[in-house]
Amino acid sequence: MTRESSTGTWTAIEDEGELRDLVGHPAERAATKDRSRLLPIDREWLANSPFCVLATSDAEGNCDASPKGDPRGLIHVLDDETVVVPERKGNKRMDGFFNVLRNPHVGIISLIPGRGETLRINGRATIVRDAPFFDDLVVKGHRPDLALVVEIDQVFFHCAKAFMRSRLWSPETWEPEVLPSTAELVKSSQNTPESLESLEEHYGAQYASKLYLTSGGPGSRFRRTAEGPRGGLSPSFAGPFGPGRARRP
């Protein structure tokens, strides 16, 4: 089917048969690689992964994808059919969590820096505010307020082609300075009352030191917590978001 747009005529695909005719069928190895339970190698992967992307959608299909990060072992394994993603203190939007309340189906892509493969998990999530396993999720003395418990429907490894094409882990391709600082990004994309100088201070090197601080409520003073059994992230680098481009005069 063709559609007219401001950029010209599009040829759209609108049924599964047409899509399959175009791309063909997967090889048997790709078609049969998904499983419903974790294998020992999956557990080993999750124990070494510090980062994932959590995808959700509401009842109407409106989607959200949220990055999650911690020291290695971010995703906690309860058993071969159940994993847990802790929720750390953030901006309190909770877009993905509101989606889960309306539609429990979630997708997870788990990454290990430097590896081209990813581990994908699809399942059904429940928001939990307390459980005995929360003690296993402590980082730098911080016990999460919430966690997502995901019952696994499907798990499999995804090939490395996207990372190979993008050269994502090749430092010589990294150019964080092509864009301005985080503060400038915020100031240019939001109608925020803070001055640029105030935002630069907020997103400066001290930002990393507050990743696991506990807040006593709005307007309260942060207090530093003790080291937890899972260690923590070091704030000893030059700014939490990389250098960014020098501020424009």
Protein backbone atom coordinates (compact mmCIF):
# COMPACT_ATOMS: atom_id res chain seq x y z
CA MET A 1 0.00 0.00 0.00
CA THR A 2 1.30 3.46 -0.84
CA ARG A 3 0.96 6.59 1.27
CA GLU A 4 1.67 10.18 0.39
CA SER A 5 3.68 12.29 2.80
CA SER A 6 5.57 15.56 2.82
CA THR A 7 8.71 13.59 1.96
CA GLY A 8 7.19 11.73 -0.99
CA THR A 9 5.43 8.41 -1.54
CA TRP A 10 5.86 5.62 0.99
CA THR A 11 5.27 1.95 0.27
CA ALA A 12 3.91 0.51 3.50
CA ILE A 13 3.62 -3.10 4.66
CA GLU A 14 0.34 -3.88 6.39
CA ASP A 15 0.13 -7.66 6.78
CA GLU A 16 2.33 -10.46 8.09
CA GLY A 17 2.44 -12.37 4.81
CA GLU A 18 3.82 -9.41 2.89
CA LEU A 19 6.46 -8.85 5.58
CA ARG A 20 7.52 -12.50 5.54
CA ASP A 21 7.66 -12.54 1.75
CA LEU A 22 10.04 -9.56 1.85
CA VAL A 23 12.49 -10.68 4.57
CA GLY A 24 12.20 -14.46 4.31
CA HIS A 25 12.23 -16.96 7.17
CA PRO A 26 14.74 -17.19 10.02
CA ALA A 27 17.29 -19.96 10.15
CA GLU A 28 16.39 -22.80 12.49
CA ARG A 29 19.00 -21.70 15.04
CA ALA A 30 17.40 -18.24 15.26
CA ALA A 31 13.84 -19.54 15.19
CA THR A 32 14.34 -22.01 18.04
CA LYS A 33 16.67 -20.16 20.41
CA ASP A 34 14.07 -18.74 22.81
CA ARG A 35 13.42 -20.52 26.10
CA SER A 36 11.08 -20.06 29.07
CA ARG A 37 13.66 -20.68 31.82
CA LEU A 38 17.10 -19.38 32.65
CA LEU A 39 20.08 -21.58 31.95
CA PRO A 40 23.32 -21.42 34.00
CA ILE A 41 24.89 -19.25 31.27
CA ASP A 42 21.98 -16.80 31.55
CA ARG A 43 22.55 -16.53 35.29
CA GLU A 44 26.25 -15.94 34.68
CA TRP A 45 25.43 -13.20 32.18
CA LEU A 46 23.04 -11.43 34.56
CA ALA A 47 25.57 -11.65 37.39
CA ASN A 48 28.01 -9.68 35.22
CA SER A 49 25.60 -7.20 33.64
CA PRO A 50 25.40 -3.68 35.13
CA PHE A 51 22.83 -2.25 32.70
CA CYS A 52 19.52 -3.01 31.01
CA VAL A 53 16.73 -1.29 29.12
CA LEU A 54 13.21 -2.00 30.40
CA ALA A 55 10.38 -1.67 27.87
CA THR A 56 6.73 -1.31 28.89
CA SER A 57 3.43 -0.19 27.40
CA ASP A 58 0.09 0.84 28.81
CA ALA A 59 -3.29 -0.69 27.98
CA GLU A 60 -3.56 1.50 24.87
CA GLY A 61 -0.14 0.52 23.55
CA ASN A 62 1.68 3.74 24.48
CA CYS A 63 5.29 2.66 25.02
CA ASP A 64 8.17 3.55 27.28
CA ALA A 65 11.78 2.33 27.41
CA SER A 66 13.78 3.14 30.51
CA PRO A 67 17.51 2.52 31.21
CA LYS A 68 18.40 0.84 34.50
CA GLY A 69 21.89 0.65 35.95
CA ASP A 70 23.75 -0.58 39.03
CA PRO A 71 27.00 -2.37 39.76
CA ARG A 72 27.32 -5.78 38.12
CA GLY A 73 24.41 -8.02 39.03
CA LEU A 74 21.78 -5.35 38.43
CA ILE A 75 19.12 -7.97 37.62
CA HIS A 76 18.66 -10.28 40.59
CA VAL A 77 17.72 -13.90 39.93
CA LEU A 78 15.12 -15.39 42.26
CA ASP A 79 14.86 -18.70 40.40
CA ASP A 80 15.06 -20.01 36.85
CA GLU A 81 11.69 -18.47 36.01
CA THR A 82 11.82 -15.19 37.94
CA VAL A 83 14.10 -12.15 37.98
CA VAL A 84 14.01 -8.84 39.83
CA VAL A 85 14.91 -5.33 38.65
CA PRO A 86 15.46 -2.91 41.57
CA GLU A 87 14.26 0.67 41.26
CA ARG A 88 16.62 3.34 42.58
CA LYS A 89 15.68 6.90 43.44
CA GLY A 90 15.30 9.03 40.32
CA ASN A 91 13.08 11.72 38.86
CA LYS A 92 9.87 10.13 40.22
CA ARG A 93 8.07 10.11 36.85
CA MET A 94 7.53 6.35 37.12
CA ASP A 95 6.31 6.08 33.52
CA GLY A 96 7.17 2.40 33.21
CA PHE A 97 5.71 1.51 36.59
CA PHE A 98 2.38 3.16 35.76
CA ASN A 99 2.41 1.17 32.53
CA VAL A 100 2.94 -2.08 34.45
CA LEU A 101 -0.11 -1.33 36.58
CA ARG A 102 -2.16 -1.21 33.37
CA ASN A 103 -0.31 -3.87 31.37
CA PRO A 104 2.12 -6.27 33.08
CA HIS A 105 3.98 -7.34 29.93
CA VAL A 106 7.58 -6.09 29.84
CA GLY A 107 10.69 -6.57 27.74
CA ILE A 108 14.29 -6.37 28.99
CA ILE A 109 17.55 -6.05 27.08
CA SER A 110 20.53 -6.78 29.32
CA LEU A 111 23.98 -5.53 28.27
CA ILE A 112 27.57 -6.16 29.32
CA PRO A 113 29.98 -3.37 28.29
CA GLY A 114 32.27 -4.55 25.53
CA ARG A 115 30.09 -7.51 24.55
CA GLY A 116 28.16 -7.45 21.28
CA GLU A 117 25.52 -9.95 22.34
CA THR A 118 22.59 -9.00 24.54
CA LEU A 119 20.31 -11.12 26.70
CA ARG A 120 16.63 -10.50 26.08
CA ILE A 121 13.91 -11.34 28.59
CA ASN A 122 10.18 -10.97 28.00
CA GLY A 123 7.67 -11.60 30.74
CA ARG A 124 5.02 -10.30 33.13
CA ALA A 125 5.92 -7.88 35.90
CA THR A 126 4.61 -7.15 39.37
CA ILE A 127 5.55 -4.03 41.36
CA VAL A 128 6.77 -5.02 44.82
CA ARG A 129 7.40 -2.55 47.66
CA ASP A 130 9.02 -4.98 50.11
CA ALA A 131 10.20 -8.58 50.23
CA PRO A 132 12.97 -10.55 51.97
CA PHE A 133 15.11 -10.47 48.80
CA PHE A 134 15.31 -6.66 49.02
CA ASP A 135 18.22 -7.27 51.41
CA ASP A 136 20.09 -8.79 48.46
CA LEU A 137 19.55 -5.61 46.40
CA VAL A 138 21.41 -3.24 48.74
CA VAL A 139 23.97 -0.97 47.05
CA LYS A 140 26.07 1.43 49.15
CA GLY A 141 23.66 0.94 52.04
CA HIS A 142 20.64 1.75 49.88
CA ARG A 143 17.75 -0.72 50.02
CA PRO A 144 15.40 -0.01 47.10
CA ASP A 145 11.90 1.27 47.81
CA LEU A 146 10.47 -0.68 44.88
CA ALA A 147 11.35 -3.53 42.55
CA LEU A 148 9.86 -5.19 39.51
CA VAL A 149 9.47 -8.94 39.81
CA VAL A 150 9.39 -10.41 36.29
CA GLU A 151 7.99 -13.87 35.59
CA ILE A 152 9.85 -15.05 32.51
CA ASP A 153 7.90 -16.00 29.40
CA GLN A 154 10.80 -15.88 26.97
CA VAL A 155 14.58 -15.52 27.21
CA PHE A 156 17.27 -15.70 24.53
CA PHE A 157 20.57 -14.22 23.41
CA HIS A 158 20.49 -11.65 20.60
CA CYS A 159 23.35 -11.55 18.10
CA ALA A 160 26.04 -8.84 17.99
CA LYS A 161 25.33 -7.35 14.56
CA ALA A 162 23.84 -4.06 15.86
CA PHE A 163 26.91 -3.44 18.01
CA MET A 164 29.24 -4.42 15.20
CA ARG A 165 27.53 -2.03 12.77
CA SER A 166 27.43 0.84 15.24
CA ARG A 167 30.90 0.14 16.72
CA LEU A 168 29.30 1.16 19.99
CA TRP A 169 32.08 -0.17 22.21
CA SER A 170 34.94 1.25 20.10
CA PRO A 171 36.34 4.27 22.01
CA GLU A 172 37.70 5.82 18.81
CA THR A 173 34.10 6.35 17.64
CA TRP A 174 33.01 8.15 20.81
CA GLU A 175 32.45 11.89 20.41
CA PRO A 176 30.45 13.09 23.44
CA GLU A 177 31.62 16.65 22.82
CA VAL A 178 29.57 16.94 19.59
CA LEU A 179 26.64 17.94 21.81
CA PRO A 180 26.61 20.54 24.58
CA SER A 181 26.58 19.74 28.29
CA THR A 182 23.65 18.09 30.03
CA ALA A 183 22.69 21.43 31.56
CA GLU A 184 22.52 23.04 28.12
CA LEU A 185 20.48 20.16 26.76
CA VAL A 186 17.97 20.62 29.58
CA LYS A 187 17.86 24.40 29.21
CA SER A 188 17.37 24.22 25.44
CA SER A 189 14.63 21.55 25.55
CA GLN A 190 12.62 22.52 28.64
CA ASN A 191 11.02 25.69 29.94
CA THR A 192 12.79 25.41 33.28
CA PRO A 193 13.15 28.33 35.73
CA GLU A 194 16.69 27.42 36.79
CA SER A 195 19.55 29.41 35.34
CA LEU A 196 22.08 27.65 33.14
CA GLU A 197 24.71 28.18 35.84
CA SER A 198 22.46 26.52 38.42
CA LEU A 199 21.87 23.56 36.12
CA GLU A 200 25.59 23.24 35.41
CA GLU A 201 26.20 23.00 39.16
CA HIS A 202 23.38 20.48 39.60
CA TYR A 203 24.66 18.20 36.83
CA GLY A 204 28.31 18.68 37.73
CA ALA A 205 30.72 16.14 39.19
CA GLN A 206 28.86 16.11 42.52
CA TYR A 207 25.82 14.55 40.78
CA ALA A 208 27.48 11.13 40.90
CA SER A 209 27.95 11.34 44.66
CA LYS A 210 24.16 11.35 45.19
CA LEU A 211 23.27 8.23 43.22
CA TYR A 212 22.54 6.19 46.34
CA LEU A 213 21.68 8.85 48.89
CA THR A 214 18.46 8.55 50.85
CA SER A 215 16.02 11.43 50.85
CA GLY A 216 13.83 12.15 53.85
CA GLY A 217 11.20 13.77 51.66
CA PRO A 218 10.77 16.93 49.59
CA GLY A 219 13.12 19.69 50.66
CA SER A 220 15.01 17.51 53.13
CA ARG A 221 18.78 17.31 53.35
CA PHE A 222 20.38 14.25 51.82
CA ARG A 223 22.38 11.98 54.08
CA ARG A 224 25.25 9.77 52.99
CA THR A 225 24.74 6.04 53.48
CA ALA A 226 27.23 3.35 54.37
CA GLU A 227 28.83 0.97 51.92
CA GLY A 228 26.60 -1.99 51.07
CA PRO A 229 27.53 -5.56 50.25
CA ARG A 230 27.29 -4.98 46.49
CA GLY A 231 29.76 -2.10 46.48
CA GLY A 232 28.97 0.97 44.41
CA LEU A 233 29.98 3.31 41.65
CA SER A 234 32.98 5.55 42.01
CA PRO A 235 32.32 9.30 41.56
CA SER A 236 35.99 9.90 40.80
CA PHE A 237 35.54 10.79 37.17
CA ALA A 238 35.13 14.18 35.51
CA GLY A 239 31.37 14.60 35.52
CA PRO A 240 28.70 11.93 35.41
CA PHE A 241 27.68 12.52 31.79
CA GLY A 242 31.08 12.84 30.09
CA PRO A 243 32.68 16.08 29.07
CA GLY A 244 30.09 17.43 26.64
CA ARG A 245 30.82 20.26 24.30
CA ALA A 246 32.19 23.44 25.82
CA ARG A 247 29.44 25.91 26.69
CA ARG A 248 28.66 28.32 23.91
CA PRO A 249 29.52 31.94 24.76
